[in-house]
N, C-alpha and C. Protein backbone atom coordinates (compact mmCIF):
# COMPACT_ATOMS: atom_id res chain seq x y z
N UNK A 1 -49.57 -33.54 -35.34
CA UNK A 1 -49.91 -32.05 -35.44
C UNK A 1 -49.66 -31.60 -36.87
N UNK A 2 -50.65 -30.94 -37.41
CA UNK A 2 -50.38 -30.38 -38.85
C UNK A 2 -50.01 -29.07 -38.88
N UNK A 3 -49.64 -28.63 -39.95
CA UNK A 3 -49.10 -27.26 -40.21
C UNK A 3 -50.10 -26.20 -39.96
N UNK A 4 -51.34 -26.43 -40.27
CA UNK A 4 -52.40 -25.45 -39.95
C UNK A 4 -52.73 -25.24 -38.56
N UNK A 5 -52.63 -26.29 -37.74
CA UNK A 5 -52.82 -26.03 -36.33
C UNK A 5 -51.72 -25.31 -35.68
N UNK A 6 -50.48 -25.62 -36.15
CA UNK A 6 -49.26 -24.86 -35.59
C UNK A 6 -49.49 -23.39 -36.04
N UNK A 7 -49.92 -23.10 -37.28
CA UNK A 7 -50.08 -21.69 -37.64
C UNK A 7 -51.29 -21.12 -36.88
N UNK A 8 -52.29 -21.66 -36.63
CA UNK A 8 -53.34 -21.22 -35.78
C UNK A 8 -52.82 -20.86 -34.35
N UNK A 9 -52.14 -21.73 -33.72
CA UNK A 9 -51.62 -21.42 -32.43
C UNK A 9 -50.67 -20.25 -32.53
N UNK A 10 -49.81 -20.13 -33.53
CA UNK A 10 -49.02 -18.97 -33.58
C UNK A 10 -49.69 -17.76 -33.77
N UNK A 11 -50.77 -17.77 -34.60
CA UNK A 11 -51.59 -16.51 -34.71
C UNK A 11 -52.37 -16.20 -33.37
N UNK A 12 -52.86 -17.14 -32.73
CA UNK A 12 -53.47 -16.84 -31.39
C UNK A 12 -52.40 -16.30 -30.48
N UNK A 13 -51.29 -17.00 -30.31
CA UNK A 13 -50.27 -16.53 -29.36
C UNK A 13 -49.82 -15.07 -29.91
N UNK A 14 -49.72 -14.72 -31.07
CA UNK A 14 -49.36 -13.32 -31.45
C UNK A 14 -50.33 -12.41 -30.99
N UNK A 15 -51.64 -12.77 -31.18
CA UNK A 15 -52.76 -11.93 -30.88
C UNK A 15 -52.71 -11.71 -29.34
N UNK A 16 -52.27 -12.67 -28.45
CA UNK A 16 -52.20 -12.68 -27.07
C UNK A 16 -51.15 -11.69 -26.66
N UNK A 17 -49.99 -11.76 -27.16
CA UNK A 17 -48.88 -10.90 -26.91
C UNK A 17 -49.07 -9.52 -27.28
N UNK A 18 -49.66 -9.48 -28.59
CA UNK A 18 -49.89 -7.98 -28.85
C UNK A 18 -50.98 -7.22 -27.93
N UNK A 19 -51.98 -8.07 -27.51
CA UNK A 19 -53.03 -7.32 -26.47
C UNK A 19 -52.32 -7.24 -25.20
N UNK A 20 -51.50 -8.08 -24.82
CA UNK A 20 -50.88 -7.90 -23.56
C UNK A 20 -49.87 -6.67 -23.54
N UNK A 21 -49.25 -6.44 -24.76
CA UNK A 21 -48.35 -5.30 -24.81
C UNK A 21 -49.24 -4.08 -24.80
N UNK A 22 -50.31 -4.04 -25.44
CA UNK A 22 -51.12 -2.98 -25.54
C UNK A 22 -51.77 -2.43 -24.06
N UNK A 23 -52.10 -3.52 -23.33
CA UNK A 23 -52.64 -3.31 -21.97
C UNK A 23 -51.57 -2.75 -21.15
N UNK A 24 -50.40 -3.36 -21.19
CA UNK A 24 -49.26 -2.89 -20.41
C UNK A 24 -48.88 -1.58 -20.62
N UNK A 25 -48.97 -1.13 -21.98
CA UNK A 25 -48.48 0.20 -22.35
C UNK A 25 -49.54 1.20 -21.72
N UNK A 26 -50.89 0.80 -21.89
CA UNK A 26 -51.85 1.74 -21.42
C UNK A 26 -51.92 1.85 -19.87
N UNK A 27 -51.81 0.76 -19.12
CA UNK A 27 -51.93 0.75 -17.72
C UNK A 27 -50.68 0.74 -16.87
N UNK A 28 -49.61 0.24 -17.49
CA UNK A 28 -48.42 0.27 -16.77
C UNK A 28 -48.27 -0.82 -15.66
N UNK A 29 -47.16 -0.88 -15.06
CA UNK A 29 -47.09 -1.82 -13.96
C UNK A 29 -47.79 -1.50 -12.71
N UNK A 30 -47.82 -2.40 -11.74
CA UNK A 30 -48.35 -2.31 -10.44
C UNK A 30 -49.73 -2.71 -10.20
N UNK A 31 -50.45 -3.22 -11.17
CA UNK A 31 -51.78 -3.73 -10.98
C UNK A 31 -51.80 -5.12 -10.33
N UNK A 32 -52.84 -5.57 -9.85
CA UNK A 32 -53.04 -7.00 -9.53
C UNK A 32 -53.15 -7.90 -10.74
N UNK A 33 -52.77 -9.17 -10.61
CA UNK A 33 -52.94 -10.16 -11.69
C UNK A 33 -54.38 -10.08 -12.21
N UNK A 34 -55.22 -10.04 -11.40
CA UNK A 34 -56.70 -10.18 -11.67
C UNK A 34 -57.16 -9.04 -12.60
N UNK A 35 -56.53 -7.85 -12.46
CA UNK A 35 -56.83 -6.66 -13.26
C UNK A 35 -56.28 -6.97 -14.63
N UNK A 36 -55.22 -7.32 -14.71
CA UNK A 36 -54.52 -7.61 -16.13
C UNK A 36 -55.27 -8.79 -16.69
N UNK A 37 -55.64 -9.70 -16.04
CA UNK A 37 -56.43 -10.97 -16.70
C UNK A 37 -57.85 -10.41 -17.26
N UNK A 38 -58.43 -9.62 -16.47
CA UNK A 38 -59.80 -9.07 -16.89
C UNK A 38 -59.63 -8.13 -18.17
N UNK A 39 -58.53 -7.30 -18.18
CA UNK A 39 -58.30 -6.52 -19.28
C UNK A 39 -57.89 -7.33 -20.51
N UNK A 40 -57.11 -8.29 -20.40
CA UNK A 40 -56.71 -9.21 -21.38
C UNK A 40 -57.91 -9.97 -21.98
N UNK A 41 -58.71 -10.49 -21.12
CA UNK A 41 -59.82 -11.20 -21.60
C UNK A 41 -60.68 -10.20 -22.46
N UNK A 42 -60.96 -9.08 -21.97
CA UNK A 42 -61.82 -7.98 -22.60
C UNK A 42 -61.17 -7.71 -24.10
N UNK A 43 -59.78 -7.46 -24.08
CA UNK A 43 -59.18 -7.19 -25.24
C UNK A 43 -59.19 -8.28 -26.31
N UNK A 44 -59.09 -9.53 -25.82
CA UNK A 44 -59.10 -10.77 -26.68
C UNK A 44 -60.43 -10.92 -27.40
N UNK A 45 -61.50 -10.73 -26.50
CA UNK A 45 -62.93 -10.76 -27.08
C UNK A 45 -63.23 -9.78 -28.06
N UNK A 46 -62.75 -8.62 -27.74
CA UNK A 46 -62.83 -7.54 -28.76
C UNK A 46 -62.27 -7.79 -30.07
N UNK A 47 -61.26 -8.76 -30.16
CA UNK A 47 -60.53 -9.10 -31.27
C UNK A 47 -61.18 -10.43 -31.87
N UNK A 48 -62.33 -10.79 -31.33
CA UNK A 48 -63.01 -11.88 -31.93
C UNK A 48 -62.70 -13.33 -31.50
N UNK A 49 -61.78 -13.36 -30.43
CA UNK A 49 -61.33 -14.67 -29.94
C UNK A 49 -62.26 -15.11 -28.73
N UNK A 50 -62.46 -16.44 -28.73
CA UNK A 50 -63.10 -17.10 -27.61
C UNK A 50 -62.22 -17.22 -26.40
N UNK A 51 -62.54 -16.73 -25.28
CA UNK A 51 -61.73 -16.68 -24.08
C UNK A 51 -62.44 -17.29 -22.93
N UNK A 52 -61.94 -18.24 -22.17
CA UNK A 52 -62.42 -18.81 -20.96
C UNK A 52 -61.58 -18.39 -19.77
N UNK A 53 -62.00 -17.99 -18.75
CA UNK A 53 -61.16 -17.57 -17.48
C UNK A 53 -61.40 -18.51 -16.31
N UNK A 54 -60.39 -18.50 -15.53
CA UNK A 54 -60.39 -19.31 -14.30
C UNK A 54 -60.92 -20.71 -14.54
N UNK A 55 -60.24 -21.40 -15.65
CA UNK A 55 -60.62 -22.83 -15.96
C UNK A 55 -59.93 -23.78 -15.11
N UNK A 56 -60.76 -24.62 -14.47
CA UNK A 56 -60.25 -25.59 -13.36
C UNK A 56 -59.30 -26.56 -14.20
N UNK A 57 -58.18 -26.91 -13.50
CA UNK A 57 -57.23 -27.88 -14.02
C UNK A 57 -57.14 -28.89 -12.90
N UNK A 58 -57.69 -30.08 -13.07
CA UNK A 58 -57.67 -31.04 -12.02
C UNK A 58 -56.25 -31.79 -12.09
N UNK A 59 -56.01 -32.50 -10.93
CA UNK A 59 -54.86 -33.29 -10.89
C UNK A 59 -55.52 -34.76 -10.96
N UNK A 60 -54.72 -35.55 -11.69
CA UNK A 60 -55.04 -37.10 -11.71
C UNK A 60 -54.04 -37.80 -10.95
N UNK A 61 -54.47 -38.49 -9.90
CA UNK A 61 -53.62 -39.19 -9.13
C UNK A 61 -54.23 -40.56 -8.71
N UNK A 62 -53.53 -41.60 -9.00
CA UNK A 62 -54.01 -43.01 -8.75
C UNK A 62 -55.30 -43.27 -9.41
N UNK A 63 -55.40 -42.79 -10.62
CA UNK A 63 -56.57 -42.98 -11.40
C UNK A 63 -57.82 -42.09 -11.00
N UNK A 64 -57.61 -41.20 -10.04
CA UNK A 64 -58.67 -40.42 -9.55
C UNK A 64 -58.51 -39.07 -9.90
N UNK A 65 -59.49 -38.38 -10.35
CA UNK A 65 -59.42 -36.86 -10.76
C UNK A 65 -59.70 -36.10 -9.54
N UNK A 66 -58.88 -35.26 -9.18
CA UNK A 66 -59.00 -34.50 -7.92
C UNK A 66 -58.93 -32.92 -8.21
N UNK A 67 -59.80 -32.19 -7.65
CA UNK A 67 -59.78 -30.76 -7.74
C UNK A 67 -58.89 -30.15 -6.68
N UNK A 68 -57.70 -29.92 -7.19
CA UNK A 68 -56.63 -29.43 -6.19
C UNK A 68 -56.57 -27.93 -6.21
N UNK A 69 -57.56 -27.31 -6.83
CA UNK A 69 -57.57 -25.84 -6.75
C UNK A 69 -56.79 -25.19 -7.89
N UNK A 70 -56.14 -25.82 -8.74
CA UNK A 70 -55.44 -25.20 -9.86
C UNK A 70 -56.51 -24.55 -10.84
N UNK A 71 -56.18 -23.31 -11.26
CA UNK A 71 -56.96 -22.60 -12.22
C UNK A 71 -56.11 -21.95 -13.29
N UNK A 72 -56.46 -22.13 -14.52
CA UNK A 72 -55.71 -21.56 -15.58
C UNK A 72 -56.32 -20.05 -15.75
N UNK A 73 -55.56 -19.16 -15.83
CA UNK A 73 -56.07 -17.71 -15.80
C UNK A 73 -56.91 -17.51 -17.14
N UNK A 74 -56.46 -17.88 -18.34
CA UNK A 74 -57.16 -17.74 -19.54
C UNK A 74 -56.84 -18.89 -20.37
N UNK A 75 -57.87 -19.31 -21.17
CA UNK A 75 -57.67 -20.35 -22.27
C UNK A 75 -58.28 -19.64 -23.52
N UNK A 76 -57.51 -19.48 -24.49
CA UNK A 76 -57.91 -18.77 -25.77
C UNK A 76 -58.15 -19.75 -26.91
N UNK A 77 -59.30 -19.74 -27.51
CA UNK A 77 -59.68 -20.69 -28.47
C UNK A 77 -59.56 -22.14 -28.07
N UNK A 78 -59.65 -22.46 -26.96
CA UNK A 78 -59.37 -23.87 -26.50
C UNK A 78 -58.03 -24.40 -26.86
N UNK A 79 -57.08 -23.44 -27.10
CA UNK A 79 -55.75 -23.88 -27.66
C UNK A 79 -54.59 -23.31 -26.82
N UNK A 80 -54.63 -22.02 -26.50
CA UNK A 80 -53.54 -21.39 -25.86
C UNK A 80 -53.91 -21.04 -24.40
N UNK A 81 -52.98 -21.58 -23.49
CA UNK A 81 -53.25 -21.20 -22.15
C UNK A 81 -52.32 -19.93 -21.74
N UNK A 82 -53.09 -18.99 -21.05
CA UNK A 82 -52.39 -17.69 -20.68
C UNK A 82 -52.38 -17.69 -19.13
N UNK A 83 -51.21 -17.46 -18.56
CA UNK A 83 -51.05 -17.20 -17.14
C UNK A 83 -50.63 -15.77 -16.98
N UNK A 84 -51.56 -14.96 -16.41
CA UNK A 84 -51.05 -13.56 -16.23
C UNK A 84 -50.31 -13.39 -15.09
N UNK A 85 -49.56 -12.29 -14.91
CA UNK A 85 -48.73 -11.96 -13.77
C UNK A 85 -48.94 -10.47 -13.43
N UNK A 86 -49.14 -10.21 -12.14
CA UNK A 86 -49.25 -8.89 -11.61
C UNK A 86 -47.86 -8.52 -11.15
N UNK A 87 -47.81 -7.24 -10.69
CA UNK A 87 -46.52 -6.78 -10.21
C UNK A 87 -46.50 -6.80 -8.74
């Protein structure tokens, strides 16, 4: 892992935290996780970041790739995984 990739991850993570704080300040607590995730995806895309939502995460067992229903809420720039939480 080189210094540039660590810096890039830190910049992406910082943008995610900043966007999440902005959303929480605007909307407050009490919404469903899906609402926060949709708002966060919108805000990050506005900031010029690539964001994928509901990304499947398979389980590999006994050499077999299984779809066990796991989904990552958001993946930002193919680097940072974001799991949102509703109240």
